[in-house]
Full PDB file with SEQRES, HELIX, SHEET, SSBOND, CRYST1, ORIGX, SCALE, CONECT and MASTER records, all heavy atoms in Angstrom:
SEQRES   1 A   32  ALA ASP ARG TYR ALA VAL ALA ASP THR PRO GLU ALA TYR          
SEQRES   2 A   32  ALA GLN ILE LEU ALA ARG MET GLN ARG TYR ASP PRO ALA          
SEQRES   3 A   32  PRO ILE VAL GLN ASP ARG                                      
HELIX    1 AA1 PRO A   10  MET A   20  1                                  11    
CRYST1    1.000    1.000    1.000  90.00  90.00  90.00 P 1           1          
ORIGX1      1.000000  0.000000  0.000000        0.00000                         
ORIGX2      0.000000  1.000000  0.000000        0.00000                         
ORIGX3      0.000000  0.000000  1.000000        0.00000                         
SCALE1      1.000000  0.000000  0.000000        0.00000                         
SCALE2      0.000000  1.000000  0.000000        0.00000                         
SCALE3      0.000000  0.000000  1.000000        0.00000                         
ATOM      1  N   ALA A   1      24.540 -49.095-108.019  1.00  0.00           N  
ATOM      2  CA  ALA A   1      24.065 -48.182-109.055  1.00  0.00           C  
ATOM      3  C   ALA A   1      23.437 -46.920-108.482  1.00  0.00           C  
ATOM      4  O   ALA A   1      23.263 -45.928-109.197  1.00  0.00           O  
ATOM      5  CB  ALA A   1      23.049 -48.888-109.951  1.00  0.00           C  
ATOM      6  N   ASP A   2      23.089 -46.927-107.187  1.00  0.00           N  
ATOM      7  CA  ASP A   2      22.423 -45.781-106.563  1.00  0.00           C  
ATOM      8  C   ASP A   2      23.365 -44.946-105.716  1.00  0.00           C  
ATOM      9  O   ASP A   2      22.925 -43.990-105.078  1.00  0.00           O  
ATOM     10  CB  ASP A   2      21.261 -46.260-105.688  1.00  0.00           C  
ATOM     11  CG  ASP A   2      20.204 -47.012-106.490  1.00  0.00           C  
ATOM     12  OD1 ASP A   2      19.982 -46.631-107.654  1.00  0.00           O  
ATOM     13  OD2 ASP A   2      19.611 -47.965-105.946  1.00  0.00           O  
ATOM     14  N   ARG A   3      24.647 -45.298-105.703  1.00  0.00           N  
ATOM     15  CA  ARG A   3      25.582 -44.603-104.813  1.00  0.00           C  
ATOM     16  C   ARG A   3      26.100 -43.302-105.394  1.00  0.00           C  
ATOM     17  O   ARG A   3      26.817 -42.574-104.723  1.00  0.00           O  
ATOM     18  CB  ARG A   3      26.749 -45.534-104.455  1.00  0.00           C  
ATOM     19  CG  ARG A   3      26.307 -46.669-103.553  1.00  0.00           C  
ATOM     20  CD  ARG A   3      27.422 -47.665-103.327  1.00  0.00           C  
ATOM     21  NE  ARG A   3      26.916 -48.876-102.683  1.00  0.00           N  
ATOM     22  CZ  ARG A   3      27.565 -50.027-102.645  1.00  0.00           C  
ATOM     23  NH1 ARG A   3      28.759 -50.114-103.205  1.00  0.00           N  
ATOM     24  NH2 ARG A   3      27.031 -51.078-102.052  1.00  0.00           N  
ATOM     25  N   TYR A   4      25.783 -43.007-106.631  1.00  0.00           N  
ATOM     26  CA  TYR A   4      26.115 -41.705-107.197  1.00  0.00           C  
ATOM     27  C   TYR A   4      25.228 -41.458-108.400  1.00  0.00           C  
ATOM     28  O   TYR A   4      24.618 -42.381-108.953  1.00  0.00           O  
ATOM     29  CB  TYR A   4      27.593 -41.618-107.574  1.00  0.00           C  
ATOM     30  CG  TYR A   4      28.037 -42.532-108.680  1.00  0.00           C  
ATOM     31  CD1 TYR A   4      27.978 -42.125-110.009  1.00  0.00           C  
ATOM     32  CD2 TYR A   4      28.542 -43.796-108.393  1.00  0.00           C  
ATOM     33  CE1 TYR A   4      28.405 -42.956-111.023  1.00  0.00           C  
ATOM     34  CE2 TYR A   4      28.965 -44.636-109.407  1.00  0.00           C  
ATOM     35  CZ  TYR A   4      28.891 -44.211-110.724  1.00  0.00           C  
ATOM     36  OH  TYR A   4      29.318 -45.040-111.731  1.00  0.00           O  
ATOM     37  N   ALA A   5      25.144 -40.204-108.804  1.00  0.00           N  
ATOM     38  CA  ALA A   5      24.353 -39.826-109.973  1.00  0.00           C  
ATOM     39  C   ALA A   5      25.064 -38.691-110.687  1.00  0.00           C  
ATOM     40  O   ALA A   5      25.817 -37.921-110.080  1.00  0.00           O  
ATOM     41  CB  ALA A   5      22.945 -39.403-109.557  1.00  0.00           C  
ATOM     42  N   VAL A   6      24.807 -38.564-111.997  1.00  0.00           N  
ATOM     43  CA  VAL A   6      25.460 -37.562-112.833  1.00  0.00           C  
ATOM     44  C   VAL A   6      24.457 -36.473-113.184  1.00  0.00           C  
ATOM     45  O   VAL A   6      23.334 -36.759-113.612  1.00  0.00           O  
ATOM     46  CB  VAL A   6      26.029 -38.198-114.117  1.00  0.00           C  
ATOM     47  CG1 VAL A   6      26.650 -37.130-115.014  1.00  0.00           C  
ATOM     48  CG2 VAL A   6      27.058 -39.269-113.768  1.00  0.00           C  
ATOM     49  N   ALA A   7      24.863 -35.223-112.985  1.00  0.00           N  
ATOM     50  CA  ALA A   7      24.031 -34.069-113.342  1.00  0.00           C  
ATOM     51  C   ALA A   7      24.675 -33.343-114.513  1.00  0.00           C  
ATOM     52  O   ALA A   7      25.850 -32.963-114.452  1.00  0.00           O  
ATOM     53  CB  ALA A   7      23.881 -33.132-112.149  1.00  0.00           C  
ATOM     54  N   ASP A   8      23.895 -33.130-115.585  1.00  0.00           N  
ATOM     55  CA  ASP A   8      24.403 -32.456-116.781  1.00  0.00           C  
ATOM     56  C   ASP A   8      24.014 -30.981-116.844  1.00  0.00           C  
ATOM     57  O   ASP A   8      24.571 -30.231-117.641  1.00  0.00           O  
ATOM     58  CB  ASP A   8      23.885 -33.156-118.044  1.00  0.00           C  
ATOM     59  CG  ASP A   8      24.426 -34.568-118.169  1.00  0.00           C  
ATOM     60  OD1 ASP A   8      25.653 -34.737-118.060  1.00  0.00           O  
ATOM     61  OD2 ASP A   8      23.618 -35.500-118.367  1.00  0.00           O  
ATOM     62  N   THR A   9      23.040 -30.580-116.019  1.00  0.00           N  
ATOM     63  CA  THR A   9      22.551 -29.202-116.046  1.00  0.00           C  
ATOM     64  C   THR A   9      22.330 -28.714-114.616  1.00  0.00           C  
ATOM     65  O   THR A   9      22.232 -29.524-113.680  1.00  0.00           O  
ATOM     66  CB  THR A   9      21.209 -29.117-116.791  1.00  0.00           C  
ATOM     67  OG1 THR A   9      20.218 -29.902-116.077  1.00  0.00           O  
ATOM     68  CG2 THR A   9      21.337 -29.639-118.221  1.00  0.00           C  
ATOM     69  N   PRO A  10      22.223 -27.384-114.411  1.00  0.00           N  
ATOM     70  CA  PRO A  10      21.925 -26.860-113.069  1.00  0.00           C  
ATOM     71  C   PRO A  10      20.606 -27.393-112.511  1.00  0.00           C  
ATOM     72  O   PRO A  10      20.496 -27.632-111.305  1.00  0.00           O  
ATOM     73  CB  PRO A  10      21.865 -25.350-113.288  1.00  0.00           C  
ATOM     74  CG  PRO A  10      22.734 -25.109-114.486  1.00  0.00           C  
ATOM     75  CD  PRO A  10      22.526 -26.306-115.366  1.00  0.00           C  
ATOM     76  N   GLU A  11      19.622 -27.606-113.386  1.00  0.00           N  
ATOM     77  CA  GLU A  11      18.336 -28.122-112.929  1.00  0.00           C  
ATOM     78  C   GLU A  11      18.480 -29.550-112.415  1.00  0.00           C  
ATOM     79  O   GLU A  11      17.958 -29.908-111.353  1.00  0.00           O  
ATOM     80  CB  GLU A  11      17.309 -28.066-114.064  1.00  0.00           C  
ATOM     81  CG  GLU A  11      16.917 -26.665-114.512  1.00  0.00           C  
ATOM     82  CD  GLU A  11      17.995 -25.988-115.353  1.00  0.00           C  
ATOM     83  OE1 GLU A  11      18.854 -26.712-115.915  1.00  0.00           O  
ATOM     84  OE2 GLU A  11      17.975 -24.746-115.441  1.00  0.00           O  
ATOM     85  N   ALA A  12      19.195 -30.384-113.175  1.00  0.00           N  
ATOM     86  CA  ALA A  12      19.420 -31.763-112.743  1.00  0.00           C  
ATOM     87  C   ALA A  12      20.247 -31.796-111.466  1.00  0.00           C  
ATOM     88  O   ALA A  12      20.017 -32.623-110.580  1.00  0.00           O  
ATOM     89  CB  ALA A  12      20.112 -32.549-113.856  1.00  0.00           C  
ATOM     90  N   TYR A  13      21.206 -30.890-111.357  1.00  0.00           N  
ATOM     91  CA  TYR A  13      22.040 -30.817-110.153  1.00  0.00           C  
ATOM     92  C   TYR A  13      21.182 -30.563-108.918  1.00  0.00           C  
ATOM     93  O   TYR A  13      21.345 -31.224-107.885  1.00  0.00           O  
ATOM     94  CB  TYR A  13      23.080 -29.713-110.325  1.00  0.00           C  
ATOM     95  CG  TYR A  13      23.740 -29.271-109.044  1.00  0.00           C  
ATOM     96  CD1 TYR A  13      24.710 -30.068-108.434  1.00  0.00           C  
ATOM     97  CD2 TYR A  13      23.405 -28.057-108.450  1.00  0.00           C  
ATOM     98  CE1 TYR A  13      25.321 -29.661-107.254  1.00  0.00           C  
ATOM     99  CE2 TYR A  13      24.011 -27.654-107.276  1.00  0.00           C  
ATOM    100  CZ  TYR A  13      24.965 -28.454-106.682  1.00  0.00           C  
ATOM    101  OH  TYR A  13      25.555 -28.049-105.514  1.00  0.00           O  
ATOM    102  N   ALA A  14      20.250 -29.615-109.012  1.00  0.00           N  
ATOM    103  CA  ALA A  14      19.396 -29.287-107.868  1.00  0.00           C  
ATOM    104  C   ALA A  14      18.517 -30.475-107.478  1.00  0.00           C  
ATOM    105  O   ALA A  14      18.337 -30.764-106.282  1.00  0.00           O  
ATOM    106  CB  ALA A  14      18.534 -28.070-108.197  1.00  0.00           C  
ATOM    107  N   GLN A  15      17.973 -31.175-108.475  1.00  0.00           N  
ATOM    108  CA  GLN A  15      17.106 -32.326-108.193  1.00  0.00           C  
ATOM    109  C   GLN A  15      17.878 -33.474-107.557  1.00  0.00           C  
ATOM    110  O   GLN A  15      17.444 -34.053-106.553  1.00  0.00           O  
ATOM    111  CB  GLN A  15      16.435 -32.794-109.486  1.00  0.00           C  
ATOM    112  CG  GLN A  15      15.460 -31.785-110.076  1.00  0.00           C  
ATOM    113  CD  GLN A  15      14.902 -32.238-111.412  1.00  0.00           C  
ATOM    114  OE1 GLN A  15      15.265 -33.297-111.932  1.00  0.00           O  
ATOM    115  NE2 GLN A  15      14.002 -31.441-111.983  1.00  0.00           N  
ATOM    116  N   ILE A  16      19.036 -33.787-108.123  1.00  0.00           N  
ATOM    117  CA  ILE A  16      19.823 -34.910-107.595  1.00  0.00           C  
ATOM    118  C   ILE A  16      20.376 -34.577-106.221  1.00  0.00           C  
ATOM    119  O   ILE A  16      20.402 -35.429-105.325  1.00  0.00           O  
ATOM    120  CB  ILE A  16      20.959 -35.263-108.579  1.00  0.00           C  
ATOM    121  CG1 ILE A  16      20.368 -35.766-109.892  1.00  0.00           C  
ATOM    122  CG2 ILE A  16      21.886 -36.315-107.972  1.00  0.00           C  
ATOM    123  CD1 ILE A  16      21.403 -35.950-110.991  1.00  0.00           C  
ATOM    124  N   LEU A  17      20.807 -33.339-106.027  1.00  0.00           N  
ATOM    125  CA  LEU A  17      21.332 -32.927-104.722  1.00  0.00           C  
ATOM    126  C   LEU A  17      20.273 -33.103-103.640  1.00  0.00           C  
ATOM    127  O   LEU A  17      20.554 -33.626-102.549  1.00  0.00           O  
ATOM    128  CB  LEU A  17      21.796 -31.474-104.781  1.00  0.00           C  
ATOM    129  CG  LEU A  17      22.487 -30.947-103.517  1.00  0.00           C  
ATOM    130  CD1 LEU A  17      23.817 -31.655-103.317  1.00  0.00           C  
ATOM    131  CD2 LEU A  17      22.695 -29.434-103.627  1.00  0.00           C  
ATOM    132  N   ALA A  18      19.052 -32.693-103.946  1.00  0.00           N  
ATOM    133  CA  ALA A  18      17.971 -32.840-102.974  1.00  0.00           C  
ATOM    134  C   ALA A  18      17.699 -34.308-102.663  1.00  0.00           C  
ATOM    135  O   ALA A  18      17.424 -34.673-101.513  1.00  0.00           O  
ATOM    136  CB  ALA A  18      16.705 -32.166-103.504  1.00  0.00           C  
ATOM    137  N   ARG A  19      17.783 -35.158-103.678  1.00  0.00           N  
ATOM    138  CA  ARG A  19      17.563 -36.587-103.469  1.00  0.00           C  
ATOM    139  C   ARG A  19      18.669 -37.195-102.619  1.00  0.00           C  
ATOM    140  O   ARG A  19      18.410 -37.982-101.713  1.00  0.00           O  
ATOM    141  CB  ARG A  19      17.471 -37.297-104.822  1.00  0.00           C  
ATOM    142  CG  ARG A  19      17.060 -38.760-104.708  1.00  0.00           C  
ATOM    143  CD  ARG A  19      16.803 -39.383-106.051  1.00  0.00           C  
ATOM    144  NE  ARG A  19      18.023 -39.769-106.727  1.00  0.00           N  
ATOM    145  CZ  ARG A  19      18.407 -39.320-107.921  1.00  0.00           C  
ATOM    146  NH1 ARG A  19      17.655 -38.451-108.570  1.00  0.00           N  
ATOM    147  NH2 ARG A  19      19.524 -39.727-108.472  1.00  0.00           N  
ATOM    148  N   MET A  20      19.914 -36.841-102.895  1.00  0.00           N  
ATOM    149  CA  MET A  20      21.033 -37.379-102.135  1.00  0.00           C  
ATOM    150  C   MET A  20      21.047 -36.884-100.690  1.00  0.00           C  
ATOM    151  O   MET A  20      21.539 -37.571 -99.785  1.00  0.00           O  
ATOM    152  CB  MET A  20      22.358 -37.008-102.811  1.00  0.00           C  
ATOM    153  CG  MET A  20      22.629 -37.761-104.101  1.00  0.00           C  
ATOM    154  SD  MET A  20      22.954 -39.527-103.812  1.00  0.00           S  
ATOM    155  CE  MET A  20      23.287 -40.079-105.491  1.00  0.00           C  
ATOM    156  N   GLN A  21      20.496 -35.705-100.468  1.00  0.00           N  
ATOM    157  CA  GLN A  21      20.489 -35.148 -99.110  1.00  0.00           C  
ATOM    158  C   GLN A  21      19.570 -35.911 -98.172  1.00  0.00           C  
ATOM    159  O   GLN A  21      19.622 -35.707 -96.957  1.00  0.00           O  
ATOM    160  CB  GLN A  21      20.110 -33.663 -99.159  1.00  0.00           C  
ATOM    161  CG  GLN A  21      21.242 -32.780 -99.653  1.00  0.00           C  
ATOM    162  CD  GLN A  21      20.844 -31.343 -99.847  1.00  0.00           C  
ATOM    163  OE1 GLN A  21      19.660 -31.027-100.055  1.00  0.00           O  
ATOM    164  NE2 GLN A  21      21.807 -30.440 -99.786  1.00  0.00           N  
ATOM    165  N   ARG A  22      18.771 -36.811 -98.713  1.00  0.00           N  
ATOM    166  CA  ARG A  22      17.979 -37.688 -97.848  1.00  0.00           C  
ATOM    167  C   ARG A  22      18.880 -38.666 -97.105  1.00  0.00           C  
ATOM    168  O   ARG A  22      18.536 -39.149 -96.030  1.00  0.00           O  
ATOM    169  CB  ARG A  22      16.945 -38.454 -98.674  1.00  0.00           C  
ATOM    170  CG  ARG A  22      15.821 -37.583 -99.241  1.00  0.00           C  
ATOM    171  CD  ARG A  22      14.802 -38.420 -99.992  1.00  0.00           C  
ATOM    172  NE  ARG A  22      15.395 -39.032-101.183  1.00  0.00           N  
ATOM    173  CZ  ARG A  22      14.744 -39.871-101.987  1.00  0.00           C  
ATOM    174  NH1 ARG A  22      13.497 -40.214-101.714  1.00  0.00           N  
ATOM    175  NH2 ARG A  22      15.337 -40.371-103.049  1.00  0.00           N  
ATOM    176  N   TYR A  23      20.042 -38.971 -97.698  1.00  0.00           N  
ATOM    177  CA  TYR A  23      20.993 -39.881 -97.070  1.00  0.00           C  
ATOM    178  C   TYR A  23      22.134 -39.136 -96.394  1.00  0.00           C  
ATOM    179  O   TYR A  23      22.597 -39.525 -95.327  1.00  0.00           O  
ATOM    180  CB  TYR A  23      21.577 -40.841 -98.118  1.00  0.00           C  
ATOM    181  CG  TYR A  23      20.542 -41.523 -98.980  1.00  0.00           C  
ATOM    182  CD1 TYR A  23      20.348 -41.157-100.305  1.00  0.00           C  
ATOM    183  CD2 TYR A  23      19.747 -42.536 -98.460  1.00  0.00           C  
ATOM    184  CE1 TYR A  23      19.399 -41.786-101.102  1.00  0.00           C  
ATOM    185  CE2 TYR A  23      18.791 -43.175 -99.254  1.00  0.00           C  
ATOM    186  CZ  TYR A  23      18.631 -42.789-100.567  1.00  0.00           C  
ATOM    187  OH  TYR A  23      17.687 -43.408-101.349  1.00  0.00           O  
ATOM    188  N   ASP A  24      22.588 -38.085 -97.041  1.00  0.00           N  
ATOM    189  CA  ASP A  24      23.759 -37.354 -96.568  1.00  0.00           C  
ATOM    190  C   ASP A  24      23.446 -35.860 -96.667  1.00  0.00           C  
ATOM    191  O   ASP A  24      23.178 -35.357 -97.759  1.00  0.00           O  
ATOM    192  CB  ASP A  24      24.969 -37.717 -97.441  1.00  0.00           C  
ATOM    193  CG  ASP A  24      26.268 -37.149 -96.922  1.00  0.00           C  
ATOM    194  OD1 ASP A  24      26.230 -36.129 -96.214  1.00  0.00           O  
ATOM    195  OD2 ASP A  24      27.330 -37.715 -97.229  1.00  0.00           O  
ATOM    196  N   PRO A  25      23.483 -35.120 -95.553  1.00  0.00           N  
ATOM    197  CA  PRO A  25      23.128 -33.692 -95.614  1.00  0.00           C  
ATOM    198  C   PRO A  25      24.079 -32.854 -96.449  1.00  0.00           C  
ATOM    199  O   PRO A  25      23.717 -31.774 -96.913  1.00  0.00           O  
ATOM    200  CB  PRO A  25      23.177 -33.263 -94.138  1.00  0.00           C  
ATOM    201  CG  PRO A  25      24.010 -34.295 -93.452  1.00  0.00           C  
ATOM    202  CD  PRO A  25      23.775 -35.576 -94.187  1.00  0.00           C  
ATOM    203  N   ALA A  26      25.296 -33.343 -96.663  1.00  0.00           N  
ATOM    204  CA  ALA A  26      26.271 -32.593 -97.470  1.00  0.00           C  
ATOM    205  C   ALA A  26      26.956 -33.536 -98.453  1.00  0.00           C  
ATOM    206  O   ALA A  26      28.108 -33.926 -98.264  1.00  0.00           O  
ATOM    207  CB  ALA A  26      27.297 -31.911 -96.578  1.00  0.00           C  
ATOM    208  N   PRO A  27      26.256 -33.954 -99.514  1.00  0.00           N  
ATOM    209  CA  PRO A  27      26.845 -34.891-100.478  1.00  0.00           C  
ATOM    210  C   PRO A  27      28.083 -34.310-101.148  1.00  0.00           C  
ATOM    211  O   PRO A  27      28.272 -33.091-101.205  1.00  0.00           O  
ATOM    212  CB  PRO A  27      25.714 -35.111-101.493  1.00  0.00           C  
ATOM    213  CG  PRO A  27      24.480 -34.642-100.826  1.00  0.00           C  
ATOM    214  CD  PRO A  27      24.894 -33.565 -99.893  1.00  0.00           C  
ATOM    215  N   ILE A  28      28.913 -35.191-101.674  1.00  0.00           N  
ATOM    216  CA  ILE A  28      30.120 -34.789-102.388  1.00  0.00           C  
ATOM    217  C   ILE A  28      29.762 -34.477-103.836  1.00  0.00           C  
ATOM    218  O   ILE A  28      29.023 -35.227-104.478  1.00  0.00           O  
ATOM    219  CB  ILE A  28      31.166 -35.911-102.327  1.00  0.00           C  
ATOM    220  CG1 ILE A  28      31.594 -36.149-100.868  1.00  0.00           C  
ATOM    221  CG2 ILE A  28      32.371 -35.596-103.195  1.00  0.00           C  
ATOM    222  CD1 ILE A  28      32.430 -37.384-100.681  1.00  0.00           C  
ATOM    223  N   VAL A  29      30.291 -33.380-104.358  1.00  0.00           N  
ATOM    224  CA  VAL A  29      30.060 -32.974-105.745  1.00  0.00           C  
ATOM    225  C   VAL A  29      31.421 -32.804-106.413  1.00  0.00           C  
ATOM    226  O   VAL A  29      32.258 -32.013-105.956  1.00  0.00           O  
ATOM    227  CB  VAL A  29      29.268 -31.652-105.827  1.00  0.00           C  
ATOM    228  CG1 VAL A  29      29.028 -31.274-107.291  1.00  0.00           C  
ATOM    229  CG2 VAL A  29      27.953 -31.771-105.074  1.00  0.00           C  
ATOM    230  N   GLN A  30      31.653 -33.552-107.489  1.00  0.00           N  
ATOM    231  CA  GLN A  30      32.937 -33.526-108.189  1.00  0.00           C  
ATOM    232  C   GLN A  30      32.729 -33.472-109.699  1.00  0.00           C  
ATOM    233  O   GLN A  30      31.684 -33.889-110.201  1.00  0.00           O  
ATOM    234  CB  GLN A  30      33.763 -34.786-107.858  1.00  0.00           C  
ATOM    235  CG  GLN A  30      34.157 -34.931-106.416  1.00  0.00           C  
ATOM    236  CD  GLN A  30      34.877 -36.241-106.153  1.00  0.00           C  
ATOM    237  OE1 GLN A  30      34.760 -37.195-106.923  1.00  0.00           O  
ATOM    238  NE2 GLN A  30      35.619 -36.300-105.053  1.00  0.00           N  
ATOM    239  N   ASP A  31      33.746 -32.971-110.394  1.00  0.00           N  
ATOM    240  CA  ASP A  31      33.733 -33.053-111.859  1.00  0.00           C  
ATOM    241  C   ASP A  31      33.651 -34.511-112.277  1.00  0.00           C  
ATOM    242  O   ASP A  31      34.280 -35.380-111.655  1.00  0.00           O  
ATOM    243  CB  ASP A  31      35.018 -32.451-112.435  1.00  0.00           C  
ATOM    244  CG  ASP A  31      34.986 -30.930-112.476  1.00  0.00           C  
ATOM    245  OD1 ASP A  31      33.894 -30.350-112.338  1.00  0.00           O  
ATOM    246  OD2 ASP A  31      36.065 -30.327-112.627  1.00  0.00           O  
ATOM    247  N   ARG A  32      32.898 -34.769-113.329  1.00  0.00           N  
ATOM    248  CA  ARG A  32      32.844 -36.126-113.848  1.00  0.00           C  
ATOM    249  C   ARG A  32      34.082 -36.405-114.680  1.00  0.00           C  
ATOM    250  O   ARG A  32      34.406 -35.647-115.594  1.00  0.00           O  
ATOM    251  CB  ARG A  32      31.593 -36.337-114.689  1.00  0.00           C  
ATOM    252  CG  ARG A  32      31.427 -37.781-115.152  1.00  0.00           C  
ATOM    253  CD  ARG A  32      30.272 -37.944-116.094  1.00  0.00           C  
ATOM    254  NE  ARG A  32      30.040 -39.355-116.397  1.00  0.00           N  
ATOM    255  CZ  ARG A  32      29.190 -39.798-117.302  1.00  0.00           C  
ATOM    256  NH1 ARG A  32      28.473 -38.938-117.995  1.00  0.00           N  
ATOM    257  NH2 ARG A  32      29.028 -41.080-117.506  1.00  0.00           N  
TER     258      ARG A  32                                                      
MASTER        0    0    0    1    0    0    0    6  257    1    0    3          
END                                                                             
């Protein structure tokens, strides 16, 4: 359940990206 997250807004995108970068410096971002 923690291996991906969905961002609906630019603000959520920035928050989730920062969280994922703790594991991966360049996380994958794709259309849902």
